[in-house]
Amino acid sequence: TNTNTDALIGASATTRSIITRDAGEINLRGEVWSARTSEGIIPQGHRVIVSTIDGATAIVTQEAS
């Protein structure tokens, strides 16, 4: 069983703001997390998947529609 941040990998979240390579915020399991994406820009209100955690920042990718 994954614990702590490992348990968040693969989790679905919703963007609270535009997510860029440098900054953004997501709603993840009832908490607000800092987030960024490794590719492109993800608009506010979109579903994302957590690909990894870097310190206190979630690295996300846009959920396939």
PDB file of N, CA and C in Angstrom:
ATOM      1  N   THR A   1       0.837  -1.190   0.000  1.00  0.00           N
ATOM      2  CA  THR A   1       0.000   0.000   0.000  1.00  0.00           C
ATOM      3  C   THR A   1       0.880   1.251   0.000  1.00  0.00           C
ATOM      4  N   ASN A   2       0.563   2.177  -0.900  1.00  0.00           N
ATOM      5  CA  ASN A   2       1.296   3.440  -0.944  1.00  0.00           C
ATOM      6  C   ASN A   2       0.840   4.334   0.202  1.00  0.00           C
ATOM      7  N   THR A   3       1.770   5.098   0.745  1.00  0.00           N
ATOM      8  CA  THR A   3       1.437   6.008   1.830  1.00  0.00           C
ATOM      9  C   THR A   3       1.861   7.423   1.468  1.00  0.00           C
ATOM     10  N   ASN A   4       1.338   8.373   2.235  1.00  0.00           N
ATOM     11  CA  ASN A   4       1.714   9.776   2.082  1.00  0.00           C
ATOM     12  C   ASN A   4       1.581  10.229   0.634  1.00  0.00           C
ATOM     13  N   THR A   5       2.601  10.904   0.098  1.00  0.00           N
ATOM     14  CA  THR A   5       2.484  11.459  -1.257  1.00  0.00           C
ATOM     15  C   THR A   5       2.431  10.375  -2.323  1.00  0.00           C
ATOM     16  N   ASP A   6       3.032   9.193  -2.080  1.00  0.00           N
ATOM     17  CA  ASP A   6       2.967   8.115  -3.076  1.00  0.00           C
ATOM     18  C   ASP A   6       1.527   7.711  -3.366  1.00  0.00           C
ATOM     19  N   ALA A   7       0.658   7.832  -2.352  1.00  0.00           N
ATOM     20  CA  ALA A   7      -0.744   7.457  -2.515  1.00  0.00           C
ATOM     21  C   ALA A   7      -1.490   8.426  -3.428  1.00  0.00           C
ATOM     22  N   LEU A   8      -0.904   9.613  -3.700  1.00  0.00           N
ATOM     23  CA  LEU A   8      -1.557  10.618  -4.545  1.00  0.00           C
ATOM     24  C   LEU A   8      -1.247  10.426  -6.029  1.00  0.00           C
ATOM     25  N   ILE A   9      -0.211   9.644  -6.347  1.00  0.00           N
ATOM     26  CA  ILE A   9       0.153   9.420  -7.749  1.00  0.00           C
ATOM     27  C   ILE A   9      -1.011   8.717  -8.448  1.00  0.00           C
ATOM     28  N   GLY A  10      -1.446   9.287  -9.562  1.00  0.00           N
ATOM     29  CA  GLY A  10      -2.570   8.722 -10.307  1.00  0.00           C
ATOM     30  C   GLY A  10      -3.923   9.256  -9.872  1.00  0.00           C
ATOM     31  N   ALA A  11      -3.936  10.084  -8.816  1.00  0.00           N
ATOM     32  CA  ALA A  11      -5.195  10.641  -8.327  1.00  0.00           C
ATOM     33  C   ALA A  11      -5.734  11.686  -9.298  1.00  0.00           C
ATOM     34  N   SER A  12      -7.049  11.792  -9.353  1.00  0.00           N
ATOM     35  CA  SER A  12      -7.715  12.796 -10.179  1.00  0.00           C
ATOM     36  C   SER A  12      -7.936  14.057  -9.347  1.00  0.00           C
ATOM     37  N   ALA A  13      -7.793  15.204  -9.985  1.00  0.00           N
ATOM     38  CA  ALA A  13      -7.980  16.490  -9.310  1.00  0.00           C
ATOM     39  C   ALA A  13      -8.606  17.474 -10.294  1.00  0.00           C
ATOM     40  N   THR A  14      -9.009  18.637  -9.790  1.00  0.00           N
ATOM     41  CA  THR A  14      -9.582  19.697 -10.622  1.00  0.00           C
ATOM     42  C   THR A  14      -8.737  20.954 -10.471  1.00  0.00           C
ATOM     43  N   THR A  15      -8.468  21.629 -11.593  1.00  0.00           N
ATOM     44  CA  THR A  15      -7.654  22.844 -11.530  1.00  0.00           C
ATOM     45  C   THR A  15      -8.455  23.996 -10.945  1.00  0.00           C
ATOM     46  N   ARG A  16      -7.851  24.727  -9.997  1.00  0.00           N
ATOM     47  CA  ARG A  16      -8.443  25.927  -9.402  1.00  0.00           C
ATOM     48  C   ARG A  16      -8.023  27.170 -10.176  1.00  0.00           C
ATOM     49  N   SER A  17      -6.934  27.042 -10.911  1.00  0.00           N
ATOM     50  CA  SER A  17      -6.387  28.157 -11.686  1.00  0.00           C
ATOM     51  C   SER A  17      -5.761  27.561 -12.941  1.00  0.00           C
ATOM     52  N   ILE A  18      -5.297  28.409 -13.823  1.00  0.00           N
ATOM     53  CA  ILE A  18      -4.544  27.936 -14.984  1.00  0.00           C
ATOM     54  C   ILE A  18      -3.267  27.280 -14.465  1.00  0.00           C
ATOM     55  N   ILE A  19      -2.929  26.113 -15.001  1.00  0.00           N
ATOM     56  CA  ILE A  19      -1.709  25.406 -14.603  1.00  0.00           C
ATOM     57  C   ILE A  19      -0.679  25.570 -15.713  1.00  0.00           C
ATOM     58  N   THR A  20       0.506  26.053 -15.349  1.00  0.00           N
ATOM     59  CA  THR A  20       1.600  26.222 -16.310  1.00  0.00           C
ATOM     60  C   THR A  20       2.807  25.414 -15.840  1.00  0.00           C
ATOM     61  N   ARG A  21       3.906  25.532 -16.569  1.00  0.00           N
ATOM     62  CA  ARG A  21       5.150  24.873 -16.156  1.00  0.00           C
ATOM     63  C   ARG A  21       5.685  25.451 -14.851  1.00  0.00           C
ATOM     64  N   ASP A  22       5.219  26.655 -14.477  1.00  0.00           N
ATOM     65  CA  ASP A  22       5.761  27.344 -13.308  1.00  0.00           C
ATOM     66  C   ASP A  22       4.833  27.391 -12.102  1.00  0.00           C
ATOM     67  N   ALA A  23       3.520  27.382 -12.316  1.00  0.00           N
ATOM     68  CA  ALA A  23       2.620  27.620 -11.187  1.00  0.00           C
ATOM     69  C   ALA A  23       1.202  27.182 -11.498  1.00  0.00           C
ATOM     70  N   GLY A  24       0.403  27.113 -10.434  1.00  0.00           N
ATOM     71  CA  GLY A  24      -1.014  26.816 -10.527  1.00  0.00           C
ATOM     72  C   GLY A  24      -1.487  26.194  -9.231  1.00  0.00           C
ATOM     73  N   GLU A  25      -2.811  25.968  -9.139  1.00  0.00           N
ATOM     74  CA  GLU A  25      -3.399  25.339  -7.962  1.00  0.00           C
ATOM     75  C   GLU A  25      -4.449  24.336  -8.397  1.00  0.00           C
ATOM     76  N   ILE A  26      -4.533  23.237  -7.632  1.00  0.00           N
ATOM     77  CA  ILE A  26      -5.551  22.216  -7.875  1.00  0.00           C
ATOM     78  C   ILE A  26      -6.286  21.905  -6.580  1.00  0.00           C
ATOM     79  N   ASN A  27      -7.506  21.377  -6.718  1.00  0.00           N
ATOM     80  CA  ASN A  27      -8.238  20.772  -5.607  1.00  0.00           C
ATOM     81  C   ASN A  27      -7.954  19.285  -5.671  1.00  0.00           C
ATOM     82  N   LEU A  28      -7.293  18.769  -4.640  1.00  0.00           N
ATOM     83  CA  LEU A  28      -6.899  17.365  -4.608  1.00  0.00           C
ATOM     84  C   LEU A  28      -7.363  16.760  -3.289  1.00  0.00           C
ATOM     85  N   ARG A  29      -8.336  15.853  -3.368  1.00  0.00           N
ATOM     86  CA  ARG A  29      -8.869  15.166  -2.186  1.00  0.00           C
ATOM     87  C   ARG A  29      -9.233  16.133  -1.061  1.00  0.00           C
ATOM     88  N   GLY A  30      -9.924  17.219  -1.428  1.00  0.00           N
ATOM     89  CA  GLY A  30     -10.419  18.170  -0.447  1.00  0.00           C
ATOM     90  C   GLY A  30      -9.402  19.192   0.030  1.00  0.00           C
ATOM     91  N   GLU A  31      -8.202  19.169  -0.540  1.00  0.00           N
ATOM     92  CA  GLU A  31      -7.167  20.126  -0.156  1.00  0.00           C
ATOM     93  C   GLU A  31      -6.717  20.921  -1.377  1.00  0.00           C
ATOM     94  N   VAL A  32      -6.219  22.132  -1.127  1.00  0.00           N
ATOM     95  CA  VAL A  32      -5.646  22.950  -2.195  1.00  0.00           C
ATOM     96  C   VAL A  32      -4.149  22.649  -2.259  1.00  0.00           C
ATOM     97  N   TRP A  33      -3.679  22.276  -3.446  1.00  0.00           N
ATOM     98  CA  TRP A  33      -2.267  21.979  -3.668  1.00  0.00           C
ATOM     99  C   TRP A  33      -1.691  22.925  -4.718  1.00  0.00           C
ATOM    100  N   SER A  34      -0.445  23.297  -4.537  1.00  0.00           N
ATOM    101  CA  SER A  34       0.293  23.964  -5.612  1.00  0.00           C
ATOM    102  C   SER A  34       0.512  22.919  -6.692  1.00  0.00           C
ATOM    103  N   ALA A  35       0.478  23.357  -7.942  1.00  0.00           N
ATOM    104  CA  ALA A  35       0.638  22.400  -9.039  1.00  0.00           C
ATOM    105  C   ALA A  35       1.349  23.048 -10.208  1.00  0.00           C
ATOM    106  N   ARG A  36       1.937  22.209 -11.024  1.00  0.00           N
ATOM    107  CA  ARG A  36       2.477  22.654 -12.305  1.00  0.00           C
ATOM    108  C   ARG A  36       2.415  21.486 -13.274  1.00  0.00           C
ATOM    109  N   THR A  37       2.577  21.800 -14.554  1.00  0.00           N
ATOM    110  CA  THR A  37       2.537  20.773 -15.577  1.00  0.00           C
ATOM    111  C   THR A  37       3.877  20.746 -16.298  1.00  0.00           C
ATOM    112  N   SER A  38       4.247  19.590 -16.773  1.00  0.00           N
ATOM    113  CA  SER A  38       5.516  19.482 -17.494  1.00  0.00           C
ATOM    114  C   SER A  38       5.339  19.822 -18.969  1.00  0.00           C
ATOM    115  N   GLU A  39       4.092  20.004 -19.394  1.00  0.00           N
ATOM    116  CA  GLU A  39       3.829  20.228 -20.816  1.00  0.00           C
ATOM    117  C   GLU A  39       2.613  21.120 -21.021  1.00  0.00           C
ATOM    118  N   GLY A  40       2.794  22.229 -21.723  1.00  0.00           N
ATOM    119  CA  GLY A  40       1.676  23.071 -22.097  1.00  0.00           C
ATOM    120  C   GLY A  40       1.033  23.833 -20.948  1.00  0.00           C
ATOM    121  N   ILE A  41      -0.223  24.206 -21.161  1.00  0.00           N
ATOM    122  CA  ILE A  41      -1.022  24.959 -20.192  1.00  0.00           C
ATOM    123  C   ILE A  41      -2.348  24.236 -20.042  1.00  0.00           C
ATOM    124  N   ILE A  42      -2.818  24.108 -18.810  1.00  0.00           N
ATOM    125  CA  ILE A  42      -4.102  23.464 -18.545  1.00  0.00           C
ATOM    126  C   ILE A  42      -5.039  24.525 -17.969  1.00  0.00           C
ATOM    127  N   PRO A  43      -6.214  24.721 -18.596  1.00  0.00           N
ATOM    128  CA  PRO A  43      -7.141  25.761 -18.139  1.00  0.00           C
ATOM    129  C   PRO A  43      -7.750  25.478 -16.772  1.00  0.00           C
ATOM    130  N   GLN A  44      -8.275  26.528 -16.152  1.00  0.00           N
ATOM    131  CA  GLN A  44      -9.013  26.410 -14.889  1.00  0.00           C
ATOM    132  C   GLN A  44     -10.248  25.558 -15.107  1.00  0.00           C
ATOM    133  N   GLY A  45     -10.600  24.745 -14.103  1.00  0.00           N
ATOM    134  CA  GLY A  45     -11.819  23.944 -14.168  1.00  0.00           C
ATOM    135  C   GLY A  45     -11.674  22.611 -14.868  1.00  0.00           C
ATOM    136  N   HIS A  46     -10.467  22.267 -15.319  1.00  0.00           N
ATOM    137  CA  HIS A  46     -10.249  20.997 -16.019  1.00  0.00           C
ATOM    138  C   HIS A  46      -9.825  19.900 -15.053  1.00  0.00           C
ATOM    139  N   ARG A  47     -10.128  18.652 -15.428  1.00  0.00           N
ATOM    140  CA  ARG A  47      -9.703  17.494 -14.655  1.00  0.00           C
ATOM    141  C   ARG A  47      -8.253  17.171 -15.027  1.00  0.00           C
ATOM    142  N   VAL A  48      -7.474  16.845 -14.007  1.00  0.00           N
ATOM    143  CA  VAL A  48      -6.076  16.476 -14.205  1.00  0.00           C
ATOM    144  C   VAL A  48      -5.764  15.214 -13.413  1.00  0.00           C
ATOM    145  N   ILE A  49      -4.653  14.579 -13.759  1.00  0.00           N
ATOM    146  CA  ILE A  49      -4.149  13.404 -13.056  1.00  0.00           C
ATOM    147  C   ILE A  49      -2.790  13.765 -12.467  1.00  0.00           C
ATOM    148  N   VAL A  50      -2.563  13.397 -11.217  1.00  0.00           N
ATOM    149  CA  VAL A  50      -1.270  13.646 -10.577  1.00  0.00           C
ATOM    150  C   VAL A  50      -0.270  12.608 -11.099  1.00  0.00           C
ATOM    151  N   SER A  51       0.811  13.084 -11.733  1.00  0.00           N
ATOM    152  CA  SER A  51       1.819  12.151 -12.244  1.00  0.00           C
ATOM    153  C   SER A  51       2.962  11.947 -11.262  1.00  0.00           C
ATOM    154  N   THR A  52       3.263  12.975 -10.464  1.00  0.00           N
ATOM    155  CA  THR A  52       4.280  12.855  -9.427  1.00  0.00           C
ATOM    156  C   THR A  52       4.119  14.007  -8.435  1.00  0.00           C
ATOM    157  N   ILE A  53       4.803  13.908  -7.322  1.00  0.00           N
ATOM    158  CA  ILE A  53       4.818  14.978  -6.321  1.00  0.00           C
ATOM    159  C   ILE A  53       6.259  15.446  -6.173  1.00  0.00           C
ATOM    160  N   ASP A  54       6.459  16.767  -6.287  1.00  0.00           N
ATOM    161  CA  ASP A  54       7.795  17.358  -6.136  1.00  0.00           C
ATOM    162  C   ASP A  54       7.752  18.272  -4.916  1.00  0.00           C
ATOM    163  N   GLY A  55       8.203  17.767  -3.775  1.00  0.00           N
ATOM    164  CA  GLY A  55       8.101  18.536  -2.538  1.00  0.00           C
ATOM    165  C   GLY A  55       6.638  18.683  -2.162  1.00  0.00           C
ATOM    166  N   ALA A  56       6.135  19.929  -2.147  1.00  0.00           N
ATOM    167  CA  ALA A  56       4.725  20.179  -1.833  1.00  0.00           C
ATOM    168  C   ALA A  56       3.937  20.567  -3.081  1.00  0.00           C
ATOM    169  N   THR A  57       4.488  20.249  -4.256  1.00  0.00           N
ATOM    170  CA  THR A  57       3.842  20.607  -5.520  1.00  0.00           C
ATOM    171  C   THR A  57       3.478  19.347  -6.298  1.00  0.00           C
ATOM    172  N   ALA A  58       2.232  19.296  -6.768  1.00  0.00           N
ATOM    173  CA  ALA A  58       1.788  18.198  -7.603  1.00  0.00           C
ATOM    174  C   ALA A  58       2.127  18.502  -9.062  1.00  0.00           C
ATOM    175  N   ILE A  59       2.745  17.542  -9.743  1.00  0.00           N
ATOM    176  CA  ILE A  59       2.993  17.666 -11.175  1.00  0.00           C
ATOM    177  C   ILE A  59       1.845  16.911 -11.858  1.00  0.00           C
ATOM    178  N   VAL A  60       1.096  17.614 -12.721  1.00  0.00           N
ATOM    179  CA  VAL A  60      -0.138  17.047 -13.268  1.00  0.00           C
ATOM    180  C   VAL A  60      -0.135  17.013 -14.797  1.00  0.00           C
ATOM    181  N   THR A  61      -0.985  16.134 -15.328  1.00  0.00           N
ATOM    182  CA  THR A  61      -1.245  16.070 -16.763  1.00  0.00           C
ATOM    183  C   THR A  61      -2.755  16.137 -16.947  1.00  0.00           C
ATOM    184  N   GLN A  62      -3.178  16.653 -18.091  1.00  0.00           N
ATOM    185  CA  GLN A  62      -4.610  16.775 -18.347  1.00  0.00           C
ATOM    186  C   GLN A  62      -5.226  15.397 -18.519  1.00  0.00           C
ATOM    187  N   GLU A  63      -6.370  15.197 -17.875  1.00  0.00           N
ATOM    188  CA  GLU A  63      -7.078  13.931 -17.961  1.00  0.00           C
ATOM    189  C   GLU A  63      -7.627  13.755 -19.369  1.00  0.00           C
ATOM    190  N   ALA A  64      -7.473  12.568 -19.926  1.00  0.00           N
ATOM    191  CA  ALA A  64      -8.012  12.290 -21.269  1.00  0.00           C
ATOM    192  C   ALA A  64      -9.512  12.427 -21.242  1.00  0.00           C
ATOM    193  N   SER A  65     -10.065  13.035 -22.304  1.00  0.00           N
ATOM    194  CA  SER A  65     -11.530  13.234 -22.323  1.00  0.00           C
ATOM    195  C   SER A  65     -12.223  12.156 -23.105  1.00  0.00           C
TER     196      SER A  65
END
